């Protein structure tokens, strides 16, 4: 049994389900995908789709139970053919806010504290601005990017930073969102979330998993599923690929609180 887990946005689950099934076929074994509740579960899975910041935190001290092997290249000119993504700062279309600086003292939501796109890169921006001990008037932990999007639409919070891939999928699937939201700033780019594998897997198995991921972009059947997540293909990555997130995390440590 190949045990896979996703710790990423719910609107991408269909893509990860397809990849899980394809990996099971490639390895000639049963495969299952679960939605992870805690990053401690990384110790018990074979393959995982995980945030870059969560991976970096787990890899601290060189004792991680997982290693990155691949990451997606997203469709669109803004990504420049690199395995990167952005965090788009959204507000309601009818709000008065035009820039990130307009959000001082306003309400903000983020998905969860191990998320680079929703939390870590926001703290990094605040330190760059010289804001190290409170900026927003109220902060809400939403749990998922999709809930943050809905909270902004409903006026429950003024703004949020949303993974650009997740936002693109949400707007495509719910076109009315495009008329209710505006992007007023963009944070990043940052190296996009990796596919990680357990270090305890045999090297031959890890190589087979990586090879299958790298071939998906050339398969017309796979491309139909990848396009759901605006993914062009997967490319190889290593631990060093996430040094940009390490550097941002270290700078962000100077930010004591968002509020």
C-alpha atoms as a PDB file:
ATOM      1  CA  UNK A   1       0.000   0.000   0.000  1.00  0.00           C
ATOM      2  CA  UNK A   2       1.315   3.440  -0.978  1.00  0.00           C
ATOM      3  CA  UNK A   3       0.181   5.885   1.694  1.00  0.00           C
ATOM      4  CA  UNK A   4      -0.186   9.460   0.452  1.00  0.00           C
ATOM      5  CA  UNK A   5      -1.388  12.560   2.264  1.00  0.00           C
ATOM      6  CA  UNK A   6      -2.227  16.123   1.346  1.00  0.00           C
ATOM      7  CA  UNK A   7      -1.809  19.043   3.713  1.00  0.00           C
ATOM      8  CA  UNK A   8      -2.713  21.622   1.071  1.00  0.00           C
ATOM      9  CA  UNK A   9      -5.873  23.403  -0.060  1.00  0.00           C
ATOM     10  CA  UNK A  10      -9.074  21.359  -0.427  1.00  0.00           C
ATOM     11  CA  UNK A  11      -9.738  22.693  -3.932  1.00  0.00           C
ATOM     12  CA  UNK A  12      -6.634  20.809  -5.119  1.00  0.00           C
ATOM     13  CA  UNK A  13      -7.622  17.404  -3.721  1.00  0.00           C
ATOM     14  CA  UNK A  14      -8.842  16.082  -7.080  1.00  0.00           C
ATOM     15  CA  UNK A  15      -5.373  16.628  -8.558  1.00  0.00           C
ATOM     16  CA  UNK A  16      -3.679  14.825  -5.687  1.00  0.00           C
ATOM     17  CA  UNK A  17      -6.161  11.954  -5.930  1.00  0.00           C
ATOM     18  CA  UNK A  18      -5.261  11.516  -9.595  1.00  0.00           C
ATOM     19  CA  UNK A  19      -1.529  11.603  -8.843  1.00  0.00           C
ATOM     20  CA  UNK A  20      -1.949   9.097  -6.020  1.00  0.00           C
ATOM     21  CA  UNK A  21      -3.788   6.667  -8.297  1.00  0.00           C
ATOM     22  CA  UNK A  22      -1.177   7.118 -11.031  1.00  0.00           C
ATOM     23  CA  UNK A  23       1.674   6.423  -8.613  1.00  0.00           C
ATOM     24  CA  UNK A  24      -0.078   3.275  -7.411  1.00  0.00           C
ATOM     25  CA  UNK A  25      -0.409   2.097 -11.018  1.00  0.00           C
ATOM     26  CA  UNK A  26       3.245   2.891 -11.692  1.00  0.00           C
ATOM     27  CA  UNK A  27       4.419   0.957  -8.640  1.00  0.00           C
ATOM     28  CA  UNK A  28       1.931  -1.884  -9.090  1.00  0.00           C
ATOM     29  CA  UNK A  29       0.346  -1.487  -5.674  1.00  0.00           C
ATOM     30  CA  UNK A  30      -2.754  -0.119  -3.995  1.00  0.00           C
ATOM     31  CA  UNK A  31      -2.580   3.570  -3.139  1.00  0.00           C
ATOM     32  CA  UNK A  32      -4.670   5.810  -0.923  1.00  0.00           C
ATOM     33  CA  UNK A  33      -4.800   9.539  -0.276  1.00  0.00           C
ATOM     34  CA  UNK A  34      -5.789  10.991   3.078  1.00  0.00           C
ATOM     35  CA  UNK A  35      -6.197  14.601   4.164  1.00  0.00           C
ATOM     36  CA  UNK A  36      -3.646  15.226   6.889  1.00  0.00           C
ATOM     37  CA  UNK A  37      -4.683  16.742  10.200  1.00  0.00           C
ATOM     38  CA  UNK A  38      -1.204  17.166  11.716  1.00  0.00           C
ATOM     39  CA  UNK A  39       2.264  17.427  10.234  1.00  0.00           C
ATOM     40  CA  UNK A  40       3.303  14.690  12.680  1.00  0.00           C
ATOM     41  CA  UNK A  41       1.582  12.352  10.217  1.00  0.00           C
ATOM     42  CA  UNK A  42       4.488  12.922   7.813  1.00  0.00           C
ATOM     43  CA  UNK A  43       6.377  10.300   9.801  1.00  0.00           C
ATOM     44  CA  UNK A  44       3.830   7.675   8.766  1.00  0.00           C
ATOM     45  CA  UNK A  45       3.177   8.393   5.064  1.00  0.00           C
ATOM     46  CA  UNK A  46       5.100   7.485   1.925  1.00  0.00           C
ATOM     47  CA  UNK A  47       4.277  10.521  -0.206  1.00  0.00           C
ATOM     48  CA  UNK A  48       2.900  13.909   0.804  1.00  0.00           C
ATOM     49  CA  UNK A  49       1.865  17.208  -0.737  1.00  0.00           C
ATOM     50  CA  UNK A  50       3.012  19.766   1.806  1.00  0.00           C
ATOM     51  CA  UNK A  51       3.671  23.486   2.239  1.00  0.00           C
ATOM     52  CA  UNK A  52       7.259  24.611   1.736  1.00  0.00           C
ATOM     53  CA  UNK A  53       7.386  26.277   5.167  1.00  0.00           C
ATOM     54  CA  UNK A  54       6.086  23.153   6.892  1.00  0.00           C
ATOM     55  CA  UNK A  55       8.764  21.124   5.094  1.00  0.00           C
ATOM     56  CA  UNK A  56      11.495  23.581   6.105  1.00  0.00           C
ATOM     57  CA  UNK A  57      10.334  23.472   9.718  1.00  0.00           C
ATOM     58  CA  UNK A  58      10.359  19.653   9.702  1.00  0.00           C
ATOM     59  CA  UNK A  59      13.805  19.582   8.076  1.00  0.00           C
ATOM     60  CA  UNK A  60      15.369  21.737  10.798  1.00  0.00           C
ATOM     61  CA  UNK A  61      18.537  20.090  12.089  1.00  0.00           C
ATOM     62  CA  UNK A  62      18.654  17.658   9.179  1.00  0.00           C
ATOM     63  CA  UNK A  63      16.400  15.143  10.910  1.00  0.00           C
ATOM     64  CA  UNK A  64      13.340  15.258   8.648  1.00  0.00           C
ATOM     65  CA  UNK A  65      11.595  11.982   7.877  1.00  0.00           C
ATOM     66  CA  UNK A  66      10.810  13.235   4.350  1.00  0.00           C
ATOM     67  CA  UNK A  67      12.681  14.750   1.415  1.00  0.00           C
ATOM     68  CA  UNK A  68      11.418  16.828  -1.530  1.00  0.00           C
ATOM     69  CA  UNK A  69      11.625  15.260  -4.973  1.00  0.00           C
ATOM     70  CA  UNK A  70       9.354  17.306  -7.260  1.00  0.00           C
ATOM     71  CA  UNK A  71       7.290  20.481  -7.478  1.00  0.00           C
ATOM     72  CA  UNK A  72       4.819  21.841 -10.034  1.00  0.00           C
ATOM     73  CA  UNK A  73       5.409  24.424 -12.726  1.00  0.00           C
ATOM     74  CA  UNK A  74       2.231  26.487 -12.932  1.00  0.00           C
ATOM     75  CA  UNK A  75       0.633  27.699 -16.124  1.00  0.00           C
ATOM     76  CA  UNK A  76       0.891  31.418 -16.753  1.00  0.00           C
ATOM     77  CA  UNK A  77       3.474  33.991 -17.751  1.00  0.00           C
ATOM     78  CA  UNK A  78       3.843  35.357 -14.227  1.00  0.00           C
ATOM     79  CA  UNK A  79       5.573  32.126 -13.119  1.00  0.00           C
ATOM     80  CA  UNK A  80       8.304  32.402 -15.725  1.00  0.00           C
ATOM     81  CA  UNK A  81       8.636  28.659 -16.219  1.00  0.00           C
ATOM     82  CA  UNK A  82       9.951  28.248 -12.661  1.00  0.00           C
ATOM     83  CA  UNK A  83       8.572  26.193  -9.743  1.00  0.00           C
ATOM     84  CA  UNK A  84       7.329  29.272  -7.890  1.00  0.00           C
ATOM     85  CA  UNK A  85       4.054  30.784  -6.752  1.00  0.00           C
ATOM     86  CA  UNK A  86       2.830  34.017  -5.189  1.00  0.00           C
ATOM     87  CA  UNK A  87       0.563  35.163  -2.389  1.00  0.00           C
ATOM     88  CA  UNK A  88      -2.077  37.547  -3.711  1.00  0.00           C
ATOM     89  CA  UNK A  89      -3.452  40.023  -1.186  1.00  0.00           C
ATOM     90  CA  UNK A  90      -7.206  40.229  -1.701  1.00  0.00           C
ATOM     91  CA  UNK A  91      -9.872  42.677  -0.530  1.00  0.00           C
ATOM     92  CA  UNK A  92     -13.529  43.154  -1.390  1.00  0.00           C
ATOM     93  CA  UNK A  93     -13.954  44.894  -4.731  1.00  0.00           C
ATOM     94  CA  UNK A  94     -16.011  47.673  -3.108  1.00  0.00           C
ATOM     95  CA  UNK A  95     -13.536  48.278  -0.257  1.00  0.00           C
ATOM     96  CA  UNK A  96     -11.476  51.500  -0.075  1.00  0.00           C
ATOM     97  CA  UNK A  97      -8.131  49.705   0.249  1.00  0.00           C
ATOM     98  CA  UNK A  98      -5.673  50.155  -2.598  1.00  0.00           C
ATOM     99  CA  UNK A  99      -2.320  49.010  -1.170  1.00  0.00           C
ATOM    100  CA  UNK A 100      -0.953  46.811   1.606  1.00  0.00           C
ATOM    101  CA  UNK A 101      -0.112  49.980   3.541  1.00  0.00           C
ATOM    102  CA  UNK A 102      -3.843  50.776   3.701  1.00  0.00           C
ATOM    103  CA  UNK A 103      -4.396  47.655   5.826  1.00  0.00           C
ATOM    104  CA  UNK A 104      -2.757  48.953   9.013  1.00  0.00           C
ATOM    105  CA  UNK A 105      -5.187  48.403  11.878  1.00  0.00           C
ATOM    106  CA  UNK A 106      -7.622  46.467   9.688  1.00  0.00           C
ATOM    107  CA  UNK A 107      -8.797  42.856  10.039  1.00  0.00           C
ATOM    108  CA  UNK A 108      -6.868  40.023   8.395  1.00  0.00           C
ATOM    109  CA  UNK A 109      -7.247  36.267   8.039  1.00  0.00           C
ATOM    110  CA  UNK A 110      -4.677  33.584   7.325  1.00  0.00           C
ATOM    111  CA  UNK A 111      -5.055  29.868   6.817  1.00  0.00           C
ATOM    112  CA  UNK A 112      -2.663  28.374   9.382  1.00  0.00           C
ATOM    113  CA  UNK A 113       0.698  29.223  11.000  1.00  0.00           C
ATOM    114  CA  UNK A 114       2.728  26.587   9.134  1.00  0.00           C
ATOM    115  CA  UNK A 115       1.658  28.050   5.788  1.00  0.00           C
ATOM    116  CA  UNK A 116       4.220  30.127   3.932  1.00  0.00           C
ATOM    117  CA  UNK A 117       1.709  31.634   1.489  1.00  0.00           C
ATOM    118  CA  UNK A 118      -0.812  32.641   4.127  1.00  0.00           C
ATOM    119  CA  UNK A 119       1.331  33.373   7.178  1.00  0.00           C
ATOM    120  CA  UNK A 120       5.111  33.177   6.756  1.00  0.00           C
ATOM    121  CA  UNK A 121       5.400  35.457   3.738  1.00  0.00           C
ATOM    122  CA  UNK A 122       3.057  37.990   5.385  1.00  0.00           C
ATOM    123  CA  UNK A 123       5.344  38.204   8.394  1.00  0.00           C
ATOM    124  CA  UNK A 124       8.297  38.546   6.036  1.00  0.00           C
ATOM    125  CA  UNK A 125       6.647  41.524   4.302  1.00  0.00           C
ATOM    126  CA  UNK A 126       5.894  43.167   7.653  1.00  0.00           C
ATOM    127  CA  UNK A 127       9.530  42.918   8.770  1.00  0.00           C
ATOM    128  CA  UNK A 128      10.604  44.404   5.429  1.00  0.00           C
ATOM    129  CA  UNK A 129       8.281  47.311   6.235  1.00  0.00           C
ATOM    130  CA  UNK A 130       9.833  47.694   9.696  1.00  0.00           C
ATOM    131  CA  UNK A 131       6.681  46.361  11.379  1.00  0.00           C
ATOM    132  CA  UNK A 132       7.821  43.811  13.958  1.00  0.00           C
ATOM    133  CA  UNK A 133       5.224  43.951  16.724  1.00  0.00           C
ATOM    134  CA  UNK A 134       1.660  44.290  15.512  1.00  0.00           C
ATOM    135  CA  UNK A 135       0.134  45.708  12.358  1.00  0.00           C
ATOM    136  CA  UNK A 136      -3.410  44.450  11.859  1.00  0.00           C
ATOM    137  CA  UNK A 137      -6.256  45.357  14.190  1.00  0.00           C
ATOM    138  CA  UNK A 138      -7.708  41.830  14.296  1.00  0.00           C
ATOM    139  CA  UNK A 139      -6.371  38.525  12.972  1.00  0.00           C
ATOM    140  CA  UNK A 140      -8.364  35.332  12.366  1.00  0.00           C
ATOM    141  CA  UNK A 141      -6.952  31.861  11.731  1.00  0.00           C
ATOM    142  CA  UNK A 142      -9.308  30.528   9.063  1.00  0.00           C
ATOM    143  CA  UNK A 143      -7.930  27.009   8.607  1.00  0.00           C
ATOM    144  CA  UNK A 144      -7.917  27.024   4.778  1.00  0.00           C
ATOM    145  CA  UNK A 145      -7.312  29.599   2.060  1.00  0.00           C
ATOM    146  CA  UNK A 146     -10.794  28.927   0.703  1.00  0.00           C
ATOM    147  CA  UNK A 147     -12.346  30.017   3.997  1.00  0.00           C
ATOM    148  CA  UNK A 148     -10.230  33.186   4.003  1.00  0.00           C
ATOM    149  CA  UNK A 149     -11.507  33.967   0.495  1.00  0.00           C
ATOM    150  CA  UNK A 150     -15.090  33.563   1.693  1.00  0.00           C
ATOM    151  CA  UNK A 151     -14.482  35.679   4.793  1.00  0.00           C
ATOM    152  CA  UNK A 152     -13.165  38.536   2.642  1.00  0.00           C
ATOM    153  CA  UNK A 153     -16.148  38.208   0.275  1.00  0.00           C
ATOM    154  CA  UNK A 154     -18.575  38.262   3.196  1.00  0.00           C
ATOM    155  CA  UNK A 155     -16.903  41.255   4.847  1.00  0.00           C
ATOM    156  CA  UNK A 156     -15.964  39.211   7.923  1.00  0.00           C
ATOM    157  CA  UNK A 157     -12.361  40.395   7.456  1.00  0.00           C
ATOM    158  CA  UNK A 158     -10.855  43.148   5.353  1.00  0.00           C
ATOM    159  CA  UNK A 159      -8.053  41.255   3.635  1.00  0.00           C
ATOM    160  CA  UNK A 160      -6.012  38.075   3.331  1.00  0.00           C
ATOM    161  CA  UNK A 161      -2.989  36.697   1.449  1.00  0.00           C
ATOM    162  CA  UNK A 162      -4.010  33.761  -0.758  1.00  0.00           C
ATOM    163  CA  UNK A 163      -1.857  31.208  -2.558  1.00  0.00           C
ATOM    164  CA  UNK A 164      -2.043  32.322  -6.202  1.00  0.00           C
ATOM    165  CA  UNK A 165      -2.710  28.782  -7.436  1.00  0.00           C
ATOM    166  CA  UNK A 166      -5.558  28.289  -4.965  1.00  0.00           C
ATOM    167  CA  UNK A 167      -7.030  31.680  -5.861  1.00  0.00           C
ATOM    168  CA  UNK A 168      -6.898  30.918  -9.596  1.00  0.00           C
ATOM    169  CA  UNK A 169      -8.723  27.606  -9.081  1.00  0.00           C
ATOM    170  CA  UNK A 170     -11.323  29.249  -6.829  1.00  0.00           C
ATOM    171  CA  UNK A 171     -12.061  32.050  -9.308  1.00  0.00           C
ATOM    172  CA  UNK A 172     -12.291  29.603 -12.206  1.00  0.00           C
ATOM    173  CA  UNK A 173     -14.670  27.310 -10.311  1.00  0.00           C
ATOM    174  CA  UNK A 174     -16.726  30.216  -8.903  1.00  0.00           C
ATOM    175  CA  UNK A 175     -16.533  32.974 -11.538  1.00  0.00           C
ATOM    176  CA  UNK A 176     -18.603  35.356  -9.415  1.00  0.00           C
ATOM    177  CA  UNK A 177     -15.621  35.677  -7.061  1.00  0.00           C
ATOM    178  CA  UNK A 178     -13.831  37.675  -9.733  1.00  0.00           C
ATOM    179  CA  UNK A 179     -16.504  40.338  -9.438  1.00  0.00           C
ATOM    180  CA  UNK A 180     -16.388  40.426  -5.653  1.00  0.00           C
ATOM    181  CA  UNK A 181     -12.636  40.586  -5.016  1.00  0.00           C
ATOM    182  CA  UNK A 182      -9.621  42.689  -5.959  1.00  0.00           C
ATOM    183  CA  UNK A 183      -5.897  41.902  -5.679  1.00  0.00           C
ATOM    184  CA  UNK A 184      -4.107  44.931  -4.195  1.00  0.00           C
ATOM    185  CA  UNK A 185      -0.624  43.471  -3.718  1.00  0.00           C
ATOM    186  CA  UNK A 186       1.421  40.377  -4.404  1.00  0.00           C
ATOM    187  CA  UNK A 187       3.923  38.749  -2.045  1.00  0.00           C
ATOM    188  CA  UNK A 188       6.690  36.551  -3.439  1.00  0.00           C
ATOM    189  CA  UNK A 189       7.640  34.756  -5.576  1.00  0.00           C
ATOM    190  CA  UNK A 190       8.480  31.758  -3.401  1.00  0.00           C
ATOM    191  CA  UNK A 191       9.437  28.206  -4.296  1.00  0.00           C
ATOM    192  CA  UNK A 192       6.196  26.282  -4.663  1.00  0.00           C
ATOM    193  CA  UNK A 193       5.039  23.467  -2.385  1.00  0.00           C
ATOM    194  CA  UNK A 194       6.981  20.218  -2.810  1.00  0.00           C
ATOM    195  CA  UNK A 195       5.957  16.639  -3.219  1.00  0.00           C
ATOM    196  CA  UNK A 196       7.924  14.861  -0.501  1.00  0.00           C
ATOM    197  CA  UNK A 197       8.696  11.184   0.019  1.00  0.00           C
ATOM    198  CA  UNK A 198       9.624   9.233   3.100  1.00  0.00           C
ATOM    199  CA  UNK A 199      13.365   8.736   3.589  1.00  0.00           C
ATOM    200  CA  UNK A 200      12.696   5.160   4.645  1.00  0.00           C
ATOM    201  CA  UNK A 201      11.530   4.183   1.146  1.00  0.00           C
ATOM    202  CA  UNK A 202      14.068   2.260  -0.955  1.00  0.00           C
ATOM    203  CA  UNK A 203      15.976   4.484  -3.387  1.00  0.00           C
ATOM    204  CA  UNK A 204      14.514   2.565  -6.329  1.00  0.00           C
ATOM    205  CA  UNK A 205      10.990   3.360  -5.169  1.00  0.00           C
ATOM    206  CA  UNK A 206      11.786   7.038  -4.621  1.00  0.00           C
ATOM    207  CA  UNK A 207      13.335   7.213  -8.075  1.00  0.00           C
ATOM    208  CA  UNK A 208      10.274   5.553  -9.633  1.00  0.00           C
ATOM    209  CA  UNK A 209       7.937   8.014  -7.910  1.00  0.00           C
ATOM    210  CA  UNK A 210      10.009  10.995  -9.034  1.00  0.00           C
ATOM    211  CA  UNK A 211      10.259   9.691 -12.595  1.00  0.00           C
ATOM    212  CA  UNK A 212       6.487   9.263 -12.839  1.00  0.00           C
ATOM    213  CA  UNK A 213       5.875  12.775 -11.534  1.00  0.00           C
ATOM    214  CA  UNK A 214       8.307  14.265 -14.048  1.00  0.00           C
ATOM    215  CA  UNK A 215       6.606  12.404 -16.924  1.00  0.00           C
ATOM    216  CA  UNK A 216       3.050  13.528 -16.112  1.00  0.00           C
ATOM    217  CA  UNK A 217       3.334  16.707 -18.169  1.00  0.00           C
ATOM    218  CA  UNK A 218       3.936  14.678 -21.338  1.00  0.00           C
ATOM    219  CA  UNK A 219       0.859  12.483 -20.861  1.00  0.00           C
ATOM    220  CA  UNK A 220      -2.344  13.844 -22.461  1.00  0.00           C
ATOM    221  CA  UNK A 221      -4.508  11.942 -19.971  1.00  0.00           C
ATOM    222  CA  UNK A 222      -2.573  13.308 -17.014  1.00  0.00           C
ATOM    223  CA  UNK A 223      -2.608  16.820 -18.452  1.00  0.00           C
ATOM    224  CA  UNK A 224      -6.392  16.964 -18.161  1.00  0.00           C
ATOM    225  CA  UNK A 225      -6.120  16.414 -14.404  1.00  0.00           C
ATOM    226  CA  UNK A 226      -3.105  18.671 -13.971  1.00  0.00           C
ATOM    227  CA  UNK A 227      -4.921  21.506 -15.750  1.00  0.00           C
ATOM    228  CA  UNK A 228      -7.518  21.479 -12.970  1.00  0.00           C
ATOM    229  CA  UNK A 229      -4.769  22.907 -10.776  1.00  0.00           C
ATOM    230  CA  UNK A 230      -3.226  25.070 -13.519  1.00  0.00           C
ATOM    231  CA  UNK A 231      -0.185  22.770 -13.450  1.00  0.00           C
ATOM    232  CA  UNK A 232       1.938  22.528 -16.573  1.00  0.00           C
ATOM    233  CA  UNK A 233       4.258  19.783 -15.342  1.00  0.00           C
ATOM    234  CA  UNK A 234       6.422  18.728 -12.399  1.00  0.00           C
ATOM    235  CA  UNK A 235      10.160  19.346 -12.136  1.00  0.00           C
ATOM    236  CA  UNK A 236      12.802  17.961  -9.795  1.00  0.00           C
ATOM    237  CA  UNK A 237      13.588  19.870  -6.601  1.00  0.00           C
ATOM    238  CA  UNK A 238      15.917  19.291  -3.659  1.00  0.00           C
ATOM    239  CA  UNK A 239      16.212  20.515  -0.100  1.00  0.00           C
ATOM    240  CA  UNK A 240      18.276  23.477  -1.319  1.00  0.00           C
ATOM    241  CA  UNK A 241      15.392  24.576  -3.536  1.00  0.00           C
ATOM    242  CA  UNK A 242      13.684  25.804  -0.353  1.00  0.00           C
ATOM    243  CA  UNK A 243      16.530  27.996   0.870  1.00  0.00           C
ATOM    244  CA  UNK A 244      14.497  31.066  -0.149  1.00  0.00           C
ATOM    245  CA  UNK A 245      11.754  30.055   2.270  1.00  0.00           C
ATOM    246  CA  UNK A 246      14.355  29.362   4.966  1.00  0.00           C
ATOM    247  CA  UNK A 247      15.751  32.853   4.489  1.00  0.00           C
ATOM    248  CA  UNK A 248      12.288  34.452   4.635  1.00  0.00           C
ATOM    249  CA  UNK A 249      11.425  32.409   7.723  1.00  0.00           C
ATOM    250  CA  UNK A 250      14.569  33.592   9.496  1.00  0.00           C
ATOM    251  CA  UNK A 251      13.785  37.223   8.702  1.00  0.00           C
ATOM    252  CA  UNK A 252      10.121  36.758   9.643  1.00  0.00           C
ATOM    253  CA  UNK A 253      11.169  35.525  13.097  1.00  0.00           C
ATOM    254  CA  UNK A 254      11.691  39.219  13.949  1.00  0.00           C
ATOM    255  CA  UNK A 255       7.930  39.743  13.586  1.00  0.00           C
ATOM    256  CA  UNK A 256       6.582  39.089  17.069  1.00  0.00           C
ATOM    257  CA  UNK A 257       2.864  39.268  16.201  1.00  0.00           C
ATOM    258  CA  UNK A 258       0.529  40.205  13.361  1.00  0.00           C
ATOM    259  CA  UNK A 259      -1.756  42.097  15.715  1.00  0.00           C
END
